[in-house]
Every structure is written in structure tokens, then in C-alpha cells.
Amino acid sequence: MEHGWQKLLSLTGGKKFYITQVQIPEDAITIEGKFEVPPFAELSMEDQIFIAAFMKTHGSIKQMESVFNISYPTVKNRLNNIARQLDIVDVSIQVSNSVSSILDRLEQGAISVAEAIEEIG
């Protein structure tokens, strides 16, 4: 069963579109203009559900693995693909590859916090 945004995206075939009228019937208000669709609404319903689950698990990749029965790399790949689609915030935090690798292993449970701190220090 398709819902609002999903049906609209289906009708437009993935082409960019604008909303030109907003109505608030109980207040008898109609606003006309050119309103862009929010970036999250342009994601597929599957990606929206994935992001909602990620938020509900407080960003725990380990819990996402369990909820969706997928591997750690699959969770990371899906998140990276969604992030590329959104591209609405400039996140230019530079983390060295070695620190990133340590944090990835820590998230996977391959090393302890103490071991991660020792490797970073």
C-alpha cells in the first residue's frame, strides 16, 4: 500500500517536482507558491524506514544488523548510499584512515574500548 510521498514519487517517476499549493482546510487557508519537497521525502520508502530504524536504535550499527538481519558492511553501505542521496549537510570531518579503522573494529566488537584507546594513543 503506497502512502502520500511514496505515491507522489511513483507518479512522477523519480523526476524532480515542486508543490505549488498547500491547504489548511479547517482554517480555510490556501497558500500558493513553489515549495520544494523535503530531501528525506525524495528517498525511497525502504530508505526512509532504514533511517527511521537507525534513529530509533540511536545509531547502533550492531542493533541495525540484528533488526534487518544484515551484516555490518551492508549497514555501512546502505547508510553511505543514503547519505550520498541526501547531500544536504556538509560533513567535512577528517578522520585518519587508521582511526576510522579502529572505530569500525570497535563498533563491530572486534576490539574493546581499552584496546581502541591504546591503539589511538
N, C-alpha and C. Protein backbone atom coordinates (compact mmCIF):
# COMPACT_ATOMS: atom_id res chain seq x y z
N MET A 1 0.84 -1.18 0.00
CA MET A 1 0.00 0.00 0.00
C MET A 1 0.88 1.24 0.00
N GLU A 2 0.70 2.10 -0.98
CA GLU A 2 1.51 3.32 -1.07
C GLU A 2 0.91 4.42 -0.20
N HIS A 3 1.79 5.20 0.39
CA HIS A 3 1.36 6.33 1.21
C HIS A 3 1.74 7.62 0.49
N GLY A 4 1.22 8.75 0.94
CA GLY A 4 1.41 10.07 0.36
C GLY A 4 2.63 10.31 -0.49
N TRP A 5 3.80 10.45 0.16
CA TRP A 5 5.03 10.76 -0.57
C TRP A 5 5.39 9.66 -1.55
N GLN A 6 5.21 8.40 -1.10
CA GLN A 6 5.57 7.26 -1.93
C GLN A 6 4.74 7.26 -3.21
N LYS A 7 3.45 7.53 -3.11
CA LYS A 7 2.59 7.57 -4.29
C LYS A 7 2.99 8.73 -5.20
N LEU A 8 3.28 9.87 -4.60
CA LEU A 8 3.68 11.04 -5.38
C LEU A 8 4.98 10.76 -6.13
N LEU A 9 5.95 10.14 -5.47
CA LEU A 9 7.22 9.80 -6.13
C LEU A 9 6.99 8.79 -7.24
N SER A 10 6.08 7.87 -7.02
CA SER A 10 5.76 6.87 -8.04
C SER A 10 5.14 7.54 -9.27
N LEU A 11 4.24 8.48 -9.04
CA LEU A 11 3.58 9.18 -10.14
C LEU A 11 4.54 10.03 -10.97
N THR A 12 5.53 10.60 -10.31
CA THR A 12 6.47 11.48 -11.01
C THR A 12 7.63 10.71 -11.63
N GLY A 13 7.70 9.42 -11.38
CA GLY A 13 8.75 8.61 -11.98
C GLY A 13 10.14 9.02 -11.56
N GLY A 14 10.28 9.56 -10.36
CA GLY A 14 11.59 9.95 -9.86
C GLY A 14 12.07 11.30 -10.36
N LYS A 15 11.26 11.98 -11.18
CA LYS A 15 11.66 13.31 -11.67
C LYS A 15 11.44 14.35 -10.57
N LYS A 16 12.24 15.40 -10.60
CA LYS A 16 12.11 16.48 -9.63
C LYS A 16 10.76 17.17 -9.83
N PHE A 17 10.12 17.50 -8.73
CA PHE A 17 8.84 18.21 -8.82
C PHE A 17 8.73 19.19 -7.66
N TYR A 18 7.78 20.11 -7.76
CA TYR A 18 7.52 21.10 -6.73
C TYR A 18 6.06 21.03 -6.31
N ILE A 19 5.80 21.37 -5.08
CA ILE A 19 4.43 21.50 -4.58
C ILE A 19 4.06 22.97 -4.82
N THR A 20 2.89 23.21 -5.41
CA THR A 20 2.51 24.60 -5.73
C THR A 20 1.36 25.13 -4.89
N GLN A 21 0.75 24.25 -4.10
CA GLN A 21 -0.36 24.73 -3.28
C GLN A 21 -0.44 23.92 -1.99
N VAL A 22 -0.65 24.63 -0.88
CA VAL A 22 -0.82 24.00 0.42
C VAL A 22 -2.14 24.50 0.98
N GLN A 23 -2.97 23.57 1.46
CA GLN A 23 -4.26 23.96 2.02
C GLN A 23 -4.35 23.52 3.47
N ILE A 24 -4.94 24.39 4.29
CA ILE A 24 -5.27 24.06 5.67
C ILE A 24 -6.78 24.22 5.77
N PRO A 25 -7.53 23.16 5.45
CA PRO A 25 -8.98 23.24 5.32
C PRO A 25 -9.71 23.75 6.57
N GLU A 26 -9.29 23.30 7.75
CA GLU A 26 -10.01 23.72 8.96
C GLU A 26 -9.89 25.21 9.24
N ASP A 27 -8.87 25.86 8.67
CA ASP A 27 -8.71 27.31 8.83
C ASP A 27 -9.05 28.06 7.56
N ALA A 28 -9.50 27.33 6.51
CA ALA A 28 -9.83 27.92 5.21
C ALA A 28 -8.67 28.75 4.66
N ILE A 29 -7.47 28.20 4.77
CA ILE A 29 -6.27 28.89 4.28
C ILE A 29 -5.69 28.10 3.12
N THR A 30 -5.36 28.81 2.04
CA THR A 30 -4.67 28.22 0.91
C THR A 30 -3.45 29.08 0.62
N ILE A 31 -2.30 28.44 0.50
CA ILE A 31 -1.05 29.15 0.20
C ILE A 31 -0.55 28.62 -1.14
N GLU A 32 -0.26 29.54 -2.06
CA GLU A 32 0.27 29.14 -3.36
C GLU A 32 1.69 29.64 -3.49
N GLY A 33 2.51 28.87 -4.15
CA GLY A 33 3.91 29.23 -4.35
C GLY A 33 4.64 28.05 -4.96
N LYS A 34 5.94 28.07 -4.84
CA LYS A 34 6.76 26.98 -5.36
C LYS A 34 7.55 26.42 -4.18
N PHE A 35 7.11 25.26 -3.68
CA PHE A 35 7.70 24.65 -2.50
C PHE A 35 8.44 23.38 -2.90
N GLU A 36 9.70 23.28 -2.49
CA GLU A 36 10.46 22.07 -2.80
C GLU A 36 10.08 20.96 -1.82
N VAL A 37 10.17 19.75 -2.28
CA VAL A 37 9.91 18.58 -1.44
C VAL A 37 11.09 18.40 -0.50
N PRO A 38 10.86 18.09 0.76
CA PRO A 38 11.98 17.86 1.69
C PRO A 38 12.87 16.72 1.19
N PRO A 39 14.19 16.84 1.37
CA PRO A 39 15.11 15.82 0.87
C PRO A 39 14.79 14.40 1.34
N PHE A 40 14.37 14.23 2.59
CA PHE A 40 14.07 12.89 3.08
C PHE A 40 12.87 12.30 2.35
N ALA A 41 11.95 13.14 1.90
CA ALA A 41 10.77 12.66 1.19
C ALA A 41 11.14 12.11 -0.19
N GLU A 42 12.28 12.52 -0.71
CA GLU A 42 12.71 12.03 -2.03
C GLU A 42 13.36 10.65 -1.95
N LEU A 43 13.64 10.18 -0.73
CA LEU A 43 14.21 8.83 -0.57
C LEU A 43 13.12 7.79 -0.80
N SER A 44 13.53 6.60 -1.20
CA SER A 44 12.56 5.51 -1.34
C SER A 44 11.98 5.20 0.04
N MET A 45 10.81 4.58 0.06
CA MET A 45 10.19 4.21 1.34
C MET A 45 11.11 3.27 2.12
N GLU A 46 11.81 2.37 1.44
CA GLU A 46 12.74 1.46 2.12
C GLU A 46 13.84 2.24 2.83
N ASP A 47 14.39 3.26 2.15
CA ASP A 47 15.45 4.07 2.76
C ASP A 47 14.90 4.89 3.91
N GLN A 48 13.67 5.39 3.79
CA GLN A 48 13.06 6.15 4.89
C GLN A 48 12.89 5.27 6.12
N ILE A 49 12.45 4.03 5.91
CA ILE A 49 12.28 3.09 7.02
C ILE A 49 13.64 2.76 7.64
N PHE A 50 14.66 2.59 6.80
CA PHE A 50 16.00 2.29 7.29
C PHE A 50 16.51 3.43 8.18
N ILE A 51 16.33 4.67 7.73
CA ILE A 51 16.77 5.84 8.51
C ILE A 51 15.98 5.94 9.81
N ALA A 52 14.67 5.69 9.76
CA ALA A 52 13.85 5.74 10.97
C ALA A 52 14.34 4.69 11.98
N ALA A 53 14.64 3.50 11.50
CA ALA A 53 15.15 2.44 12.38
C ALA A 53 16.50 2.84 12.95
N PHE A 54 17.35 3.44 12.13
CA PHE A 54 18.67 3.89 12.58
C PHE A 54 18.52 4.92 13.70
N MET A 55 17.56 5.83 13.54
CA MET A 55 17.33 6.84 14.58
C MET A 55 16.80 6.18 15.85
N LYS A 56 15.87 5.24 15.70
CA LYS A 56 15.28 4.58 16.87
C LYS A 56 16.30 3.74 17.64
N THR A 57 17.31 3.23 16.94
CA THR A 57 18.36 2.46 17.61
C THR A 57 19.50 3.37 18.08
N HIS A 58 19.29 4.67 17.98
CA HIS A 58 20.30 5.66 18.40
C HIS A 58 21.61 5.48 17.65
N GLY A 59 21.50 5.08 16.38
CA GLY A 59 22.68 4.95 15.54
C GLY A 59 23.52 3.71 15.80
N SER A 60 22.93 2.72 16.43
CA SER A 60 23.68 1.50 16.72
C SER A 60 23.70 0.57 15.51
N ILE A 61 24.87 0.45 14.92
CA ILE A 61 25.01 -0.43 13.76
C ILE A 61 24.79 -1.88 14.18
N LYS A 62 25.22 -2.22 15.38
CA LYS A 62 25.04 -3.58 15.89
C LYS A 62 23.54 -3.92 15.96
N GLN A 63 22.72 -2.99 16.45
CA GLN A 63 21.28 -3.24 16.51
C GLN A 63 20.67 -3.28 15.11
N MET A 64 21.17 -2.46 14.20
CA MET A 64 20.67 -2.46 12.82
C MET A 64 20.95 -3.81 12.16
N GLU A 65 22.12 -4.38 12.45
CA GLU A 65 22.45 -5.72 11.94
C GLU A 65 21.38 -6.71 12.36
N SER A 66 20.99 -6.63 13.63
CA SER A 66 20.01 -7.55 14.19
C SER A 66 18.60 -7.29 13.64
N VAL A 67 18.18 -6.03 13.60
CA VAL A 67 16.84 -5.67 13.14
C VAL A 67 16.61 -6.11 11.70
N PHE A 68 17.60 -5.85 10.83
CA PHE A 68 17.43 -6.13 9.40
C PHE A 68 18.07 -7.45 8.96
N ASN A 69 18.71 -8.14 9.92
CA ASN A 69 19.39 -9.40 9.63
C ASN A 69 20.38 -9.25 8.47
N ILE A 70 21.22 -8.22 8.59
CA ILE A 70 22.24 -7.95 7.57
C ILE A 70 23.58 -7.75 8.26
N SER A 71 24.65 -7.79 7.49
CA SER A 71 25.99 -7.68 8.05
C SER A 71 26.38 -6.22 8.30
N TYR A 72 27.41 -6.05 9.11
CA TYR A 72 27.95 -4.73 9.40
C TYR A 72 28.29 -3.95 8.12
N PRO A 73 29.03 -4.56 7.17
CA PRO A 73 29.35 -3.82 5.94
C PRO A 73 28.10 -3.43 5.15
N THR A 74 27.07 -4.26 5.19
CA THR A 74 25.83 -3.93 4.47
C THR A 74 25.15 -2.72 5.11
N VAL A 75 25.13 -2.66 6.44
CA VAL A 75 24.56 -1.50 7.13
C VAL A 75 25.33 -0.24 6.72
N LYS A 76 26.66 -0.32 6.79
CA LYS A 76 27.50 0.83 6.44
C LYS A 76 27.27 1.26 4.99
N ASN A 77 27.20 0.30 4.07
CA ASN A 77 26.97 0.62 2.65
C ASN A 77 25.62 1.30 2.44
N ARG A 78 24.57 0.79 3.10
CA ARG A 78 23.24 1.41 2.95
C ARG A 78 23.25 2.83 3.49
N LEU A 79 23.88 3.03 4.63
CA LEU A 79 23.96 4.38 5.20
C LEU A 79 24.74 5.32 4.28
N ASN A 80 25.84 4.82 3.73
CA ASN A 80 26.63 5.64 2.81
C ASN A 80 25.84 5.99 1.55
N ASN A 81 25.09 5.03 1.01
CA ASN A 81 24.26 5.30 -0.18
C ASN A 81 23.18 6.33 0.11
N ILE A 82 22.56 6.23 1.27
CA ILE A 82 21.53 7.19 1.65
C ILE A 82 22.16 8.57 1.84
N ALA A 83 23.31 8.62 2.50
CA ALA A 83 24.00 9.89 2.73
C ALA A 83 24.34 10.58 1.41
N ARG A 84 24.77 9.81 0.41
CA ARG A 84 25.08 10.39 -0.90
C ARG A 84 23.82 10.98 -1.55
N GLN A 85 22.68 10.35 -1.35
CA GLN A 85 21.43 10.86 -1.92
C GLN A 85 21.01 12.16 -1.25
N LEU A 86 21.27 12.28 0.04
CA LEU A 86 20.81 13.46 0.77
C LEU A 86 21.70 14.67 0.51
N ASP A 87 22.98 14.54 0.71
CA ASP A 87 23.94 15.62 0.43
C ASP A 87 23.39 17.01 0.79
N ILE A 88 22.76 17.12 1.98
CA ILE A 88 22.20 18.41 2.39
C ILE A 88 23.02 19.10 3.47
N VAL A 89 23.94 18.37 4.07
CA VAL A 89 24.77 18.93 5.11
C VAL A 89 26.22 18.65 4.77
N ASP A 90 27.07 19.67 4.88
CA ASP A 90 28.49 19.48 4.60
C ASP A 90 29.15 18.91 5.85
N VAL A 91 29.44 17.64 5.81
CA VAL A 91 30.11 16.99 6.92
C VAL A 91 31.55 16.73 6.50
N SER A 92 32.39 17.68 6.81
CA SER A 92 33.78 17.55 6.36
C SER A 92 34.71 17.26 7.52
N ILE A 93 34.31 16.33 8.36
CA ILE A 93 35.16 15.90 9.47
C ILE A 93 36.20 14.96 8.89
N GLN A 94 37.44 15.29 9.11
CA GLN A 94 38.52 14.47 8.58
C GLN A 94 39.02 13.53 9.68
N VAL A 95 38.85 12.26 9.48
CA VAL A 95 39.35 11.24 10.40
C VAL A 95 40.35 10.41 9.63
N SER A 96 41.51 10.21 10.22
CA SER A 96 42.52 9.43 9.51
C SER A 96 42.00 8.01 9.29
N ASN A 97 42.51 7.37 8.25
CA ASN A 97 42.08 6.01 7.93
C ASN A 97 42.36 5.04 9.09
N SER A 98 43.47 5.24 9.78
CA SER A 98 43.80 4.32 10.87
C SER A 98 42.80 4.49 12.03
N VAL A 99 42.44 5.73 12.36
CA VAL A 99 41.46 5.96 13.43
C VAL A 99 40.09 5.43 13.00
N SER A 100 39.74 5.66 11.76
CA SER A 100 38.46 5.17 11.24
C SER A 100 38.40 3.65 11.33
N SER A 101 39.50 2.99 10.98
CA SER A 101 39.58 1.53 11.05
C SER A 101 39.42 1.04 12.48
N ILE A 102 40.05 1.73 13.40
CA ILE A 102 39.95 1.36 14.82
C ILE A 102 38.51 1.51 15.29
N LEU A 103 37.87 2.62 14.93
CA LEU A 103 36.48 2.84 15.34
C LEU A 103 35.54 1.81 14.71
N ASP A 104 35.80 1.44 13.48
CA ASP A 104 34.99 0.40 12.83
C ASP A 104 35.12 -0.94 13.58
N ARG A 105 36.36 -1.30 13.93
CA ARG A 105 36.58 -2.57 14.65
C ARG A 105 35.94 -2.53 16.03
N LEU A 106 35.97 -1.35 16.66
CA LEU A 106 35.34 -1.19 17.97
C LEU A 106 33.82 -1.36 17.84
N GLU A 107 33.23 -0.74 16.85
CA GLU A 107 31.78 -0.85 16.61
C GLU A 107 31.38 -2.30 16.33
N GLN A 108 32.24 -3.04 15.65
CA GLN A 108 31.96 -4.45 15.32
C GLN A 108 32.15 -5.36 16.54
N GLY A 109 32.77 -4.83 17.58
CA GLY A 109 33.03 -5.65 18.76
C GLY A 109 34.30 -6.47 18.65
N ALA A 110 35.11 -6.17 17.61
CA ALA A 110 36.35 -6.93 17.40
C ALA A 110 37.42 -6.55 18.41
N ILE A 111 37.35 -5.33 18.97
CA ILE A 111 38.30 -4.90 19.99
C ILE A 111 37.51 -4.21 21.11
N SER A 112 38.12 -4.11 22.27
CA SER A 112 37.48 -3.46 23.41
C SER A 112 37.77 -1.95 23.37
N VAL A 113 37.07 -1.21 24.20
CA VAL A 113 37.30 0.23 24.30
C VAL A 113 38.74 0.50 24.74
N ALA A 114 39.21 -0.26 25.71
CA ALA A 114 40.58 -0.09 26.20
C ALA A 114 41.59 -0.31 25.07
N GLU A 115 41.35 -1.36 24.27
CA GLU A 115 42.25 -1.64 23.14
C GLU A 115 42.20 -0.51 22.11
N ALA A 116 41.01 0.02 21.87
CA ALA A 116 40.86 1.12 20.90
C ALA A 116 41.61 2.35 21.39
N ILE A 117 41.47 2.67 22.66
CA ILE A 117 42.16 3.84 23.22
C ILE A 117 43.67 3.64 23.15
N GLU A 118 44.11 2.45 23.43
CA GLU A 118 45.56 2.17 23.36
C GLU A 118 46.07 2.32 21.93
N GLU A 119 45.30 1.83 20.94
CA GLU A 119 45.73 1.92 19.56
C GLU A 119 45.72 3.37 19.06
N ILE A 120 44.73 4.16 19.48
CA ILE A 120 44.65 5.55 19.05
C ILE A 120 45.76 6.37 19.68
N GLY A 121 46.01 6.12 20.99
CA GLY A 121 47.00 6.90 21.75
C GLY A 121 48.35 6.57 21.31
